[in-house]
Amino acid sequence: MPAYNFQKQFAAAVESGKKRQTIRNSRFRPTMSGDKLYLYTGMRTKKCRLLLEAECKSVQQVMITRNGACLNGRYLYGEALRLFAEADGFASWPAMRDWFKKTHGLPFHGEVISW
């Protein structure tokens, strides 16, 4: 039963269903397809709030670079890249890329957890 915390800026998108995935560093105890996910905002604070309980549909390896994203060895281009960014709660691919560059640095290697 993995729990994930979301920054305040992503909370409404998780609750509304606009954000249907999260991109994270790989965990010691990996999330697996079929796991029940507990999605929160404000974890470890007095303002902790459960946003959603959902079933994990898939876990895929991802690499994000300044030029694009690669999912399980398949590069995303054009429309697929835009849809990927939107599924993660971003308005566009450039917005997603810039957030990852600022927050994690590029290239970023991790996993996409979808619900």
PDB file of N, CA and C in Angstrom:
ATOM      1  N   MET A   1       0.809  -1.187   0.000  1.00  0.00           N
ATOM      2  CA  MET A   1       0.000   0.000   0.000  1.00  0.00           C
ATOM      3  C   MET A   1       0.852   1.251   0.000  1.00  0.00           C
ATOM      4  N   PRO A   2       1.440   1.564  -1.134  1.00  0.00           N
ATOM      5  CA  PRO A   2       2.308   2.740  -1.235  1.00  0.00           C
ATOM      6  C   PRO A   2       1.542   4.053  -1.056  1.00  0.00           C
ATOM      7  N   ALA A   3       2.193   4.977  -0.362  1.00  0.00           N
ATOM      8  CA  ALA A   3       1.641   6.318  -0.176  1.00  0.00           C
ATOM      9  C   ALA A   3       2.555   7.313  -0.891  1.00  0.00           C
ATOM     10  N   TYR A   4       1.943   8.264  -1.573  1.00  0.00           N
ATOM     11  CA  TYR A   4       2.693   9.296  -2.278  1.00  0.00           C
ATOM     12  C   TYR A   4       2.174  10.664  -1.863  1.00  0.00           C
ATOM     13  N   ASN A   5       3.100  11.581  -1.681  1.00  0.00           N
ATOM     14  CA  ASN A   5       2.773  12.948  -1.318  1.00  0.00           C
ATOM     15  C   ASN A   5       2.884  13.828  -2.560  1.00  0.00           C
ATOM     16  N   PHE A   6       1.945  14.755  -2.700  1.00  0.00           N
ATOM     17  CA  PHE A   6       1.958  15.683  -3.828  1.00  0.00           C
ATOM     18  C   PHE A   6       2.065  17.107  -3.326  1.00  0.00           C
ATOM     19  N   GLN A   7       2.860  17.886  -4.017  1.00  0.00           N
ATOM     20  CA  GLN A   7       2.963  19.297  -3.698  1.00  0.00           C
ATOM     21  C   GLN A   7       1.593  19.940  -3.877  1.00  0.00           C
ATOM     22  N   LYS A   8       1.399  21.008  -3.143  1.00  0.00           N
ATOM     23  CA  LYS A   8       0.132  21.744  -3.160  1.00  0.00           C
ATOM     24  C   LYS A   8      -0.317  22.071  -4.591  1.00  0.00           C
ATOM     25  N   GLN A   9       0.633  22.433  -5.459  1.00  0.00           N
ATOM     26  CA  GLN A   9       0.291  22.822  -6.823  1.00  0.00           C
ATOM     27  C   GLN A   9      -0.329  21.686  -7.635  1.00  0.00           C
ATOM     28  N   PHE A  10      -0.126  20.427  -7.226  1.00  0.00           N
ATOM     29  CA  PHE A  10      -0.668  19.289  -7.966  1.00  0.00           C
ATOM     30  C   PHE A  10      -1.904  18.680  -7.310  1.00  0.00           C
ATOM     31  N   ALA A  11      -2.250  19.097  -6.098  1.00  0.00           N
ATOM     32  CA  ALA A  11      -3.331  18.467  -5.330  1.00  0.00           C
ATOM     33  C   ALA A  11      -4.673  18.482  -6.068  1.00  0.00           C
ATOM     34  N   ALA A  12      -5.083  19.617  -6.591  1.00  0.00           N
ATOM     35  CA  ALA A  12      -6.383  19.715  -7.272  1.00  0.00           C
ATOM     36  C   ALA A  12      -6.420  18.820  -8.507  1.00  0.00           C
ATOM     37  N   ALA A  13      -5.317  18.731  -9.238  1.00  0.00           N
ATOM     38  CA  ALA A  13      -5.268  17.890 -10.438  1.00  0.00           C
ATOM     39  C   ALA A  13      -5.383  16.408 -10.084  1.00  0.00           C
ATOM     40  N   VAL A  14      -4.795  16.002  -8.953  1.00  0.00           N
ATOM     41  CA  VAL A  14      -4.924  14.610  -8.502  1.00  0.00           C
ATOM     42  C   VAL A  14      -6.382  14.334  -8.141  1.00  0.00           C
ATOM     43  N   GLU A  15      -6.973  15.207  -7.348  1.00  0.00           N
ATOM     44  CA  GLU A  15      -8.372  15.016  -6.915  1.00  0.00           C
ATOM     45  C   GLU A  15      -9.356  15.001  -8.078  1.00  0.00           C
ATOM     46  N   SER A  16      -9.147  15.855  -9.051  1.00  0.00           N
ATOM     47  CA  SER A  16     -10.085  15.964 -10.172  1.00  0.00           C
ATOM     48  C   SER A  16      -9.915  14.847 -11.200  1.00  0.00           C
ATOM     49  N   GLY A  17      -8.791  14.145 -11.153  1.00  0.00           N
ATOM     50  CA  GLY A  17      -8.521  13.101 -12.137  1.00  0.00           C
ATOM     51  C   GLY A  17      -7.744  13.598 -13.341  1.00  0.00           C
ATOM     52  N   LYS A  18      -7.423  14.883 -13.369  1.00  0.00           N
ATOM     53  CA  LYS A  18      -6.617  15.415 -14.476  1.00  0.00           C
ATOM     54  C   LYS A  18      -5.213  14.816 -14.438  1.00  0.00           C
ATOM     55  N   LYS A  19      -4.665  14.677 -13.249  1.00  0.00           N
ATOM     56  CA  LYS A  19      -3.346  14.055 -13.070  1.00  0.00           C
ATOM     57  C   LYS A  19      -3.577  12.574 -12.799  1.00  0.00           C
ATOM     58  N   ARG A  20      -3.136  11.734 -13.726  1.00  0.00           N
ATOM     59  CA  ARG A  20      -3.396  10.299 -13.662  1.00  0.00           C
ATOM     60  C   ARG A  20      -2.129   9.473 -13.495  1.00  0.00           C
ATOM     61  N   GLN A  21      -1.045  10.164 -13.224  1.00  0.00           N
ATOM     62  CA  GLN A  21       0.233   9.476 -13.048  1.00  0.00           C
ATOM     63  C   GLN A  21       1.155  10.348 -12.221  1.00  0.00           C
ATOM     64  N   THR A  22       2.207   9.729 -11.704  1.00  0.00           N
ATOM     65  CA  THR A  22       3.250  10.476 -11.014  1.00  0.00           C
ATOM     66  C   THR A  22       4.589   9.915 -11.446  1.00  0.00           C
ATOM     67  N   ILE A  23       5.566  10.770 -11.538  1.00  0.00           N
ATOM     68  CA  ILE A  23       6.914  10.361 -11.932  1.00  0.00           C
ATOM     69  C   ILE A  23       7.793  10.515 -10.709  1.00  0.00           C
ATOM     70  N   ARG A  24       8.430   9.428 -10.315  1.00  0.00           N
ATOM     71  CA  ARG A  24       9.206   9.398  -9.073  1.00  0.00           C
ATOM     72  C   ARG A  24      10.527   8.682  -9.277  1.00  0.00           C
ATOM     73  N   ASN A  25      11.447   8.929  -8.339  1.00  0.00           N
ATOM     74  CA  ASN A  25      12.650   8.121  -8.265  1.00  0.00           C
ATOM     75  C   ASN A  25      12.237   6.702  -7.902  1.00  0.00           C
ATOM     76  N   SER A  26      13.010   5.732  -8.322  1.00  0.00           N
ATOM     77  CA  SER A  26      12.717   4.344  -7.982  1.00  0.00           C
ATOM     78  C   SER A  26      12.843   4.162  -6.471  1.00  0.00           C
ATOM     79  N   ARG A  27      11.978   3.315  -5.914  1.00  0.00           N
ATOM     80  CA  ARG A  27      11.955   3.047  -4.482  1.00  0.00           C
ATOM     81  C   ARG A  27      12.672   1.744  -4.163  1.00  0.00           C
ATOM     82  N   PHE A  28      13.106   1.638  -2.902  1.00  0.00           N
ATOM     83  CA  PHE A  28      13.712   0.389  -2.431  1.00  0.00           C
ATOM     84  C   PHE A  28      12.690  -0.732  -2.521  1.00  0.00           C
ATOM     85  N   ARG A  29      11.457  -0.444  -2.093  1.00  0.00           N
ATOM     86  CA  ARG A  29      10.342  -1.391  -2.201  1.00  0.00           C
ATOM     87  C   ARG A  29       9.439  -0.866  -3.313  1.00  0.00           C
ATOM     88  N   PRO A  30       9.595  -1.378  -4.522  1.00  0.00           N
ATOM     89  CA  PRO A  30       8.910  -0.787  -5.682  1.00  0.00           C
ATOM     90  C   PRO A  30       7.392  -0.944  -5.647  1.00  0.00           C
ATOM     91  N   THR A  31       6.724   0.042  -6.218  1.00  0.00           N
ATOM     92  CA  THR A  31       5.286  -0.025  -6.437  1.00  0.00           C
ATOM     93  C   THR A  31       5.050  -0.984  -7.596  1.00  0.00           C
ATOM     94  N   MET A  32       3.981  -1.780  -7.479  1.00  0.00           N
ATOM     95  CA  MET A  32       3.685  -2.769  -8.515  1.00  0.00           C
ATOM     96  C   MET A  32       2.262  -2.589  -9.016  1.00  0.00           C
ATOM     97  N   SER A  33       2.045  -2.984 -10.244  1.00  0.00           N
ATOM     98  CA  SER A  33       0.710  -2.957 -10.831  1.00  0.00           C
ATOM     99  C   SER A  33      -0.235  -3.744  -9.922  1.00  0.00           C
ATOM    100  N   GLY A  34      -1.414  -3.176  -9.650  1.00  0.00           N
ATOM    101  CA  GLY A  34      -2.383  -3.812  -8.764  1.00  0.00           C
ATOM    102  C   GLY A  34      -2.332  -3.317  -7.332  1.00  0.00           C
ATOM    103  N   ASP A  35      -1.226  -2.644  -6.940  1.00  0.00           N
ATOM    104  CA  ASP A  35      -1.127  -2.091  -5.586  1.00  0.00           C
ATOM    105  C   ASP A  35      -2.191  -1.019  -5.385  1.00  0.00           C
ATOM    106  N   LYS A  36      -2.676  -0.903  -4.147  1.00  0.00           N
ATOM    107  CA  LYS A  36      -3.575   0.191  -3.805  1.00  0.00           C
ATOM    108  C   LYS A  36      -2.707   1.379  -3.425  1.00  0.00           C
ATOM    109  N   LEU A  37      -2.920   2.513  -4.092  1.00  0.00           N
ATOM    110  CA  LEU A  37      -2.143   3.727  -3.864  1.00  0.00           C
ATOM    111  C   LEU A  37      -2.928   4.681  -2.976  1.00  0.00           C
ATOM    112  N   TYR A  38      -2.214   5.320  -2.061  1.00  0.00           N
ATOM    113  CA  TYR A  38      -2.787   6.344  -1.203  1.00  0.00           C
ATOM    114  C   TYR A  38      -2.088   7.653  -1.559  1.00  0.00           C
ATOM    115  N   LEU A  39      -2.844   8.586  -2.092  1.00  0.00           N
ATOM    116  CA  LEU A  39      -2.288   9.825  -2.619  1.00  0.00           C
ATOM    117  C   LEU A  39      -2.667  10.980  -1.697  1.00  0.00           C
ATOM    118  N   TYR A  40      -1.660  11.645  -1.153  1.00  0.00           N
ATOM    119  CA  TYR A  40      -1.841  12.684  -0.145  1.00  0.00           C
ATOM    120  C   TYR A  40      -1.237  14.004  -0.588  1.00  0.00           C
ATOM    121  N   THR A  41      -1.603  15.046   0.117  1.00  0.00           N
ATOM    122  CA  THR A  41      -0.868  16.301   0.093  1.00  0.00           C
ATOM    123  C   THR A  41      -0.615  16.681   1.548  1.00  0.00           C
ATOM    124  N   GLY A  42       0.503  17.320   1.801  1.00  0.00           N
ATOM    125  CA  GLY A  42       0.830  17.763   3.155  1.00  0.00           C
ATOM    126  C   GLY A  42       1.245  16.660   4.105  1.00  0.00           C
ATOM    127  N   MET A  43       1.733  15.528   3.590  1.00  0.00           N
ATOM    128  CA  MET A  43       2.165  14.448   4.484  1.00  0.00           C
ATOM    129  C   MET A  43       3.207  14.970   5.476  1.00  0.00           C
ATOM    130  N   ARG A  44       3.170  14.402   6.664  1.00  0.00           N
ATOM    131  CA  ARG A  44       4.081  14.753   7.760  1.00  0.00           C
ATOM    132  C   ARG A  44       3.877  16.182   8.260  1.00  0.00           C
ATOM    133  N   THR A  45       2.679  16.726   8.019  1.00  0.00           N
ATOM    134  CA  THR A  45       2.323  18.045   8.553  1.00  0.00           C
ATOM    135  C   THR A  45       0.912  17.950   9.144  1.00  0.00           C
ATOM    136  N   LYS A  46       0.521  18.976   9.849  1.00  0.00           N
ATOM    137  CA  LYS A  46      -0.831  19.030  10.408  1.00  0.00           C
ATOM    138  C   LYS A  46      -1.886  19.160   9.322  1.00  0.00           C
ATOM    139  N   LYS A  47      -1.471  19.585   8.139  1.00  0.00           N
ATOM    140  CA  LYS A  47      -2.404  19.779   7.029  1.00  0.00           C
ATOM    141  C   LYS A  47      -2.474  18.575   6.091  1.00  0.00           C
ATOM    142  N   CYS A  48      -2.013  17.424   6.565  1.00  0.00           N
ATOM    143  CA  CYS A  48      -2.050  16.212   5.740  1.00  0.00           C
ATOM    144  C   CYS A  48      -3.493  15.891   5.350  1.00  0.00           C
ATOM    145  N   ARG A  49      -3.675  15.581   4.062  1.00  0.00           N
ATOM    146  CA  ARG A  49      -5.017  15.304   3.551  1.00  0.00           C
ATOM    147  C   ARG A  49      -4.936  14.241   2.472  1.00  0.00           C
ATOM    148  N   LEU A  50      -5.783  13.228   2.596  1.00  0.00           N
ATOM    149  CA  LEU A  50      -5.877  12.189   1.576  1.00  0.00           C
ATOM    150  C   LEU A  50      -6.610  12.756   0.365  1.00  0.00           C
ATOM    151  N   LEU A  51      -5.979  12.693  -0.791  1.00  0.00           N
ATOM    152  CA  LEU A  51      -6.579  13.187  -2.025  1.00  0.00           C
ATOM    153  C   LEU A  51      -7.375  12.098  -2.734  1.00  0.00           C
ATOM    154  N   LEU A  52      -6.810  10.888  -2.739  1.00  0.00           N
ATOM    155  CA  LEU A  52      -7.397   9.826  -3.560  1.00  0.00           C
ATOM    156  C   LEU A  52      -6.816   8.482  -3.161  1.00  0.00           C
ATOM    157  N   GLU A  53      -7.639   7.446  -3.233  1.00  0.00           N
ATOM    158  CA  GLU A  53      -7.174   6.065  -3.171  1.00  0.00           C
ATOM    159  C   GLU A  53      -7.410   5.505  -4.566  1.00  0.00           C
ATOM    160  N   ALA A  54      -6.408   4.851  -5.126  1.00  0.00           N
ATOM    161  CA  ALA A  54      -6.528   4.353  -6.500  1.00  0.00           C
ATOM    162  C   ALA A  54      -5.708   3.084  -6.659  1.00  0.00           C
ATOM    163  N   GLU A  55      -6.048   2.317  -7.663  1.00  0.00           N
ATOM    164  CA  GLU A  55      -5.282   1.115  -7.975  1.00  0.00           C
ATOM    165  C   GLU A  55      -4.209   1.447  -9.001  1.00  0.00           C
ATOM    166  N   CYS A  56      -3.013   0.973  -8.763  1.00  0.00           N
ATOM    167  CA  CYS A  56      -1.909   1.178  -9.703  1.00  0.00           C
ATOM    168  C   CYS A  56      -2.171   0.352 -10.959  1.00  0.00           C
ATOM    169  N   LYS A  57      -2.223   1.030 -12.098  1.00  0.00           N
ATOM    170  CA  LYS A  57      -2.443   0.341 -13.371  1.00  0.00           C
ATOM    171  C   LYS A  57      -1.147  -0.117 -14.008  1.00  0.00           C
ATOM    172  N   SER A  58      -0.082   0.697 -13.852  1.00  0.00           N
ATOM    173  CA  SER A  58       1.198   0.312 -14.454  1.00  0.00           C
ATOM    174  C   SER A  58       2.342   1.091 -13.835  1.00  0.00           C
ATOM    175  N   VAL A  59       3.518   0.511 -13.956  1.00  0.00           N
ATOM    176  CA  VAL A  59       4.765   1.162 -13.553  1.00  0.00           C
ATOM    177  C   VAL A  59       5.725   0.992 -14.719  1.00  0.00           C
ATOM    178  N   GLN A  60       6.234   2.110 -15.236  1.00  0.00           N
ATOM    179  CA  GLN A  60       7.130   2.081 -16.386  1.00  0.00           C
ATOM    180  C   GLN A  60       8.396   2.881 -16.083  1.00  0.00           C
ATOM    181  N   GLN A  61       9.483   2.464 -16.651  1.00  0.00           N
ATOM    182  CA  GLN A  61      10.736   3.203 -16.510  1.00  0.00           C
ATOM    183  C   GLN A  61      10.680   4.444 -17.403  1.00  0.00           C
ATOM    184  N   VAL A  62      11.239   5.545 -16.913  1.00  0.00           N
ATOM    185  CA  VAL A  62      11.210   6.785 -17.680  1.00  0.00           C
ATOM    186  C   VAL A  62      12.557   7.491 -17.597  1.00  0.00           C
ATOM    187  N   MET A  63      12.905   8.157 -18.664  1.00  0.00           N
ATOM    188  CA  MET A  63      14.044   9.061 -18.688  1.00  0.00           C
ATOM    189  C   MET A  63      13.540  10.362 -19.310  1.00  0.00           C
ATOM    190  N   ILE A  64      13.788  11.460 -18.607  1.00  0.00           N
ATOM    191  CA  ILE A  64      13.387  12.774 -19.109  1.00  0.00           C
ATOM    192  C   ILE A  64      14.652  13.569 -19.394  1.00  0.00           C
ATOM    193  N   THR A  65      14.759  14.072 -20.612  1.00  0.00           N
ATOM    194  CA  THR A  65      15.898  14.892 -21.014  1.00  0.00           C
ATOM    195  C   THR A  65      15.367  16.243 -21.493  1.00  0.00           C
ATOM    196  N   ARG A  66      16.261  17.129 -21.857  1.00  0.00           N
ATOM    197  CA  ARG A  66      15.808  18.432 -22.347  1.00  0.00           C
ATOM    198  C   ARG A  66      15.089  18.317 -23.681  1.00  0.00           C
ATOM    199  N   ASN A  67      15.332  17.216 -24.414  1.00  0.00           N
ATOM    200  CA  ASN A  67      14.728  17.049 -25.738  1.00  0.00           C
ATOM    201  C   ASN A  67      13.460  16.208 -25.751  1.00  0.00           C
ATOM    202  N   GLY A  68      13.182  15.470 -24.681  1.00  0.00           N
ATOM    203  CA  GLY A  68      11.995  14.618 -24.692  1.00  0.00           C
ATOM    204  C   GLY A  68      12.004  13.621 -23.559  1.00  0.00           C
ATOM    205  N   ALA A  69      11.164  12.601 -23.707  1.00  0.00           N
ATOM    206  CA  ALA A  69      11.033  11.561 -22.693  1.00  0.00           C
ATOM    207  C   ALA A  69      11.080  10.201 -23.372  1.00  0.00           C
ATOM    208  N   CYS A  70      11.568   9.234 -22.632  1.00  0.00           N
ATOM    209  CA  CYS A  70      11.673   7.864 -23.114  1.00  0.00           C
ATOM    210  C   CYS A  70      10.979   6.964 -22.091  1.00  0.00           C
ATOM    211  N   LEU A  71       9.928   6.259 -22.518  1.00  0.00           N
ATOM    212  CA  LEU A  71       9.168   5.355 -21.648  1.00  0.00           C
ATOM    213  C   LEU A  71       9.472   3.919 -22.026  1.00  0.00           C
ATOM    214  N   ASN A  72      10.050   3.170 -21.081  1.00  0.00           N
ATOM    215  CA  ASN A  72      10.392   1.765 -21.334  1.00  0.00           C
ATOM    216  C   ASN A  72      11.138   1.585 -22.657  1.00  0.00           C
ATOM    217  N   GLY A  73      12.067   2.498 -22.945  1.00  0.00           N
ATOM    218  CA  GLY A  73      12.875   2.394 -24.154  1.00  0.00           C
ATOM    219  C   GLY A  73      12.233   2.975 -25.406  1.00  0.00           C
ATOM    220  N   ARG A  74      11.013   3.525 -25.297  1.00  0.00           N
ATOM    221  CA  ARG A  74      10.316   4.094 -26.450  1.00  0.00           C
ATOM    222  C   ARG A  74      10.277   5.618 -26.312  1.00  0.00           C
ATOM    223  N   TYR A  75      10.857   6.307 -27.276  1.00  0.00           N
ATOM    224  CA  TYR A  75      10.887   7.772 -27.232  1.00  0.00           C
ATOM    225  C   TYR A  75       9.538   8.352 -27.614  1.00  0.00           C
ATOM    226  N   LEU A  76       9.154   9.402 -26.918  1.00  0.00           N
ATOM    227  CA  LEU A  76       7.896  10.092 -27.186  1.00  0.00           C
ATOM    228  C   LEU A  76       8.180  11.374 -27.964  1.00  0.00           C
ATOM    229  N   TYR A  77       7.347  11.645 -28.957  1.00  0.00           N
ATOM    230  CA  TYR A  77       7.505  12.831 -29.795  1.00  0.00           C
ATOM    231  C   TYR A  77       6.152  13.512 -29.977  1.00  0.00           C
ATOM    232  N   GLY A  78       6.191  14.792 -30.275  1.00  0.00           N
ATOM    233  CA  GLY A  78       5.003  15.540 -30.675  1.00  0.00           C
ATOM    234  C   GLY A  78       3.816  15.372 -29.759  1.00  0.00           C
ATOM    235  N   GLU A  79       2.713  14.897 -30.327  1.00  0.00           N
ATOM    236  CA  GLU A  79       1.450  14.738 -29.604  1.00  0.00           C
ATOM    237  C   GLU A  79       1.594  13.791 -28.412  1.00  0.00           C
ATOM    238  N   ALA A  80       2.334  12.710 -28.573  1.00  0.00           N
ATOM    239  CA  ALA A  80       2.524  11.751 -27.472  1.00  0.00           C
ATOM    240  C   ALA A  80       3.229  12.409 -26.285  1.00  0.00           C
ATOM    241  N   LEU A  81       4.169  13.279 -26.556  1.00  0.00           N
ATOM    242  CA  LEU A  81       4.884  13.992 -25.508  1.00  0.00           C
ATOM    243  C   LEU A  81       3.965  14.984 -24.798  1.00  0.00           C
ATOM    244  N   ARG A  82       3.119  15.659 -25.562  1.00  0.00           N
ATOM    245  CA  ARG A  82       2.150  16.594 -24.977  1.00  0.00           C
ATOM    246  C   ARG A  82       1.161  15.850 -24.077  1.00  0.00           C
ATOM    247  N   LEU A  83       0.639  14.729 -24.543  1.00  0.00           N
ATOM    248  CA  LEU A  83      -0.318  13.941 -23.762  1.00  0.00           C
ATOM    249  C   LEU A  83       0.319  13.384 -22.494  1.00  0.00           C
ATOM    250  N   PHE A  84       1.570  12.970 -22.593  1.00  0.00           N
ATOM    251  CA  PHE A  84       2.319  12.471 -21.440  1.00  0.00           C
ATOM    252  C   PHE A  84       2.433  13.564 -20.373  1.00  0.00           C
ATOM    253  N   ALA A  85       2.775  14.770 -20.780  1.00  0.00           N
ATOM    254  CA  ALA A  85       2.899  15.897 -19.846  1.00  0.00           C
ATOM    255  C   ALA A  85       1.545  16.232 -19.215  1.00  0.00           C
ATOM    256  N   GLU A  86       0.488  16.224 -20.007  1.00  0.00           N
ATOM    257  CA  GLU A  86      -0.851  16.521 -19.485  1.00  0.00           C
ATOM    258  C   GLU A  86      -1.314  15.469 -18.488  1.00  0.00           C
ATOM    259  N   ALA A  87      -1.009  14.193 -18.745  1.00  0.00           N
ATOM    260  CA  ALA A  87      -1.391  13.125 -17.814  1.00  0.00           C
ATOM    261  C   ALA A  87      -0.696  13.298 -16.469  1.00  0.00           C
ATOM    262  N   ASP A  88       0.431  14.004 -16.473  1.00  0.00           N
ATOM    263  CA  ASP A  88       1.160  14.245 -15.232  1.00  0.00           C
ATOM    264  C   ASP A  88       0.780  15.583 -14.597  1.00  0.00           C
ATOM    265  N   GLY A  89      -0.224  16.250 -15.150  1.00  0.00           N
ATOM    266  CA  GLY A  89      -0.734  17.474 -14.541  1.00  0.00           C
ATOM    267  C   GLY A  89      -0.086  18.760 -15.019  1.00  0.00           C
ATOM    268  N   PHE A  90       0.677  18.697 -16.092  1.00  0.00           N
ATOM    269  CA  PHE A  90       1.327  19.893 -16.635  1.00  0.00           C
ATOM    270  C   PHE A  90       0.546  20.413 -17.839  1.00  0.00           C
ATOM    271  N   ALA A  91       0.639  21.704 -18.075  1.00  0.00           N
ATOM    272  CA  ALA A  91      -0.058  22.325 -19.195  1.00  0.00           C
ATOM    273  C   ALA A  91       0.581  21.976 -20.536  1.00  0.00           C
ATOM    274  N   SER A  92       1.886  21.673 -20.522  1.00  0.00           N
ATOM    275  CA  SER A  92       2.592  21.409 -21.776  1.00  0.00           C
ATOM    276  C   SER A  92       3.873  20.644 -21.492  1.00  0.00           C
ATOM    277  N   TRP A  93       4.479  20.100 -22.558  1.00  0.00           N
ATOM    278  CA  TRP A  93       5.762  19.440 -22.412  1.00  0.00           C
ATOM    279  C   TRP A  93       6.840  20.413 -21.923  1.00  0.00           C
ATOM    280  N   PRO A  94       6.959  21.633 -22.484  1.00  0.00           N
ATOM    281  CA  PRO A  94       7.985  22.548 -21.975  1.00  0.00           C
ATOM    282  C   PRO A  94       7.821  22.857 -20.480  1.00  0.00           C
ATOM    283  N   ALA A  95       6.583  22.972 -20.009  1.00  0.00           N
ATOM    284  CA  ALA A  95       6.355  23.231 -18.579  1.00  0.00           C
ATOM    285  C   ALA A  95       6.841  22.046 -17.737  1.00  0.00           C
ATOM    286  N   MET A  96       6.578  20.839 -18.199  1.00  0.00           N
ATOM    287  CA  MET A  96       7.019  19.636 -17.486  1.00  0.00           C
ATOM    288  C   MET A  96       8.544  19.547 -17.476  1.00  0.00           C
ATOM    289  N   ARG A  97       9.136  19.711 -18.656  1.00  0.00           N
ATOM    290  CA  ARG A  97      10.593  19.640 -18.765  1.00  0.00           C
ATOM    291  C   ARG A  97      11.255  20.666 -17.850  1.00  0.00           C
ATOM    292  N   ASP A  98      10.764  21.901 -17.853  1.00  0.00           N
ATOM    293  CA  ASP A  98      11.359  22.951 -17.036  1.00  0.00           C
ATOM    294  C   ASP A  98      11.208  22.657 -15.546  1.00  0.00           C
ATOM    295  N   TRP A  99      10.072  22.084 -15.138  1.00  0.00           N
ATOM    296  CA  TRP A  99       9.860  21.733 -13.727  1.00  0.00           C
ATOM    297  C   TRP A  99      10.851  20.647 -13.306  1.00  0.00           C
ATOM    298  N   PHE A 100      11.012  19.611 -14.142  1.00  0.00           N
ATOM    299  CA  PHE A 100      11.961  18.540 -13.807  1.00  0.00           C
ATOM    300  C   PHE A 100      13.390  19.054 -13.794  1.00  0.00           C
ATOM    301  N   LYS A 101      13.732  19.933 -14.721  1.00  0.00           N
ATOM    302  CA  LYS A 101      15.080  20.506 -14.750  1.00  0.00           C
ATOM    303  C   LYS A 101      15.356  21.266 -13.460  1.00  0.00           C
ATOM    304  N   LYS A 102      14.410  22.085 -13.026  1.00  0.00           N
ATOM    305  CA  LYS A 102      14.579  22.887 -11.815  1.00  0.00           C
ATOM    306  C   LYS A 102      14.558  22.025 -10.552  1.00  0.00           C
ATOM    307  N   THR A 103      13.672  21.036 -10.506  1.00  0.00           N
ATOM    308  CA  THR A 103      13.451  20.246  -9.295  1.00  0.00           C
ATOM    309  C   THR A 103      14.451  19.093  -9.144  1.00  0.00           C
ATOM    310  N   HIS A 104      14.752  18.384 -10.223  1.00  0.00           N
ATOM    311  CA  HIS A 104      15.581  17.180 -10.145  1.00  0.00           C
ATOM    312  C   HIS A 104      16.865  17.247 -10.961  1.00  0.00           C
ATOM    313  N   GLY A 105      16.910  18.148 -11.918  1.00  0.00           N
ATOM    314  CA  GLY A 105      18.029  18.160 -12.853  1.00  0.00           C
ATOM    315  C   GLY A 105      17.777  17.174 -13.981  1.00  0.00           C
ATOM    316  N   LEU A 106      18.406  17.435 -15.110  1.00  0.00           N
ATOM    317  CA  LEU A 106      18.251  16.571 -16.282  1.00  0.00           C
ATOM    318  C   LEU A 106      19.594  15.998 -16.686  1.00  0.00           C
ATOM    319  N   PRO A 107      19.644  14.784 -17.154  1.00  0.00           N
ATOM    320  CA  PRO A 107      18.507  13.901 -17.368  1.00  0.00           C
ATOM    321  C   PRO A 107      17.997  13.322 -16.041  1.00  0.00           C
ATOM    322  N   PHE A 108      16.697  13.028 -15.995  1.00  0.00           N
ATOM    323  CA  PHE A 108      16.072  12.408 -14.840  1.00  0.00           C
ATOM    324  C   PHE A 108      15.732  10.967 -15.202  1.00  0.00           C
ATOM    325  N   HIS A 109      16.102  10.034 -14.322  1.00  0.00           N
ATOM    326  CA  HIS A 109      15.768   8.608 -14.498  1.00  0.00           C
ATOM    327  C   HIS A 109      14.890   8.192 -13.337  1.00  0.00           C
ATOM    328  N   GLY A 110      13.773   7.565 -13.633  1.00  0.00           N
ATOM    329  CA  GLY A 110      12.874   7.119 -12.573  1.00  0.00           C
ATOM    330  C   GLY A 110      11.793   6.237 -13.137  1.00  0.00           C
ATOM    331  N   GLU A 111      10.591   6.337 -12.524  1.00  0.00           N
ATOM    332  CA  GLU A 111       9.475   5.518 -12.993  1.00  0.00           C
ATOM    333  C   GLU A 111       8.194   6.329 -13.012  1.00  0.00           C
ATOM    334  N   VAL A 112       7.322   5.928 -13.920  1.00  0.00           N
ATOM    335  CA  VAL A 112       5.997   6.534 -14.048  1.00  0.00           C
ATOM    336  C   VAL A 112       5.010   5.557 -13.435  1.00  0.00           C
ATOM    337  N   ILE A 113       4.287   6.032 -12.421  1.00  0.00           N
ATOM    338  CA  ILE A 113       3.288   5.215 -11.750  1.00  0.00           C
ATOM    339  C   ILE A 113       1.916   5.758 -12.174  1.00  0.00           C
ATOM    340  N   SER A 114       1.138   4.924 -12.836  1.00  0.00           N
ATOM    341  CA  SER A 114      -0.171   5.350 -13.377  1.00  0.00           C
ATOM    342  C   SER A 114      -1.302   4.714 -12.595  1.00  0.00           C
ATOM    343  N   TRP A 115      -2.390   5.469 -12.460  1.00  0.00           N
ATOM    344  CA  TRP A 115      -3.589   4.933 -11.787  1.00  0.00           C
ATOM    345  C   TRP A 115      -4.815   5.234 -12.600  1.00  0.00           C
TER     346      TRP A 115
END
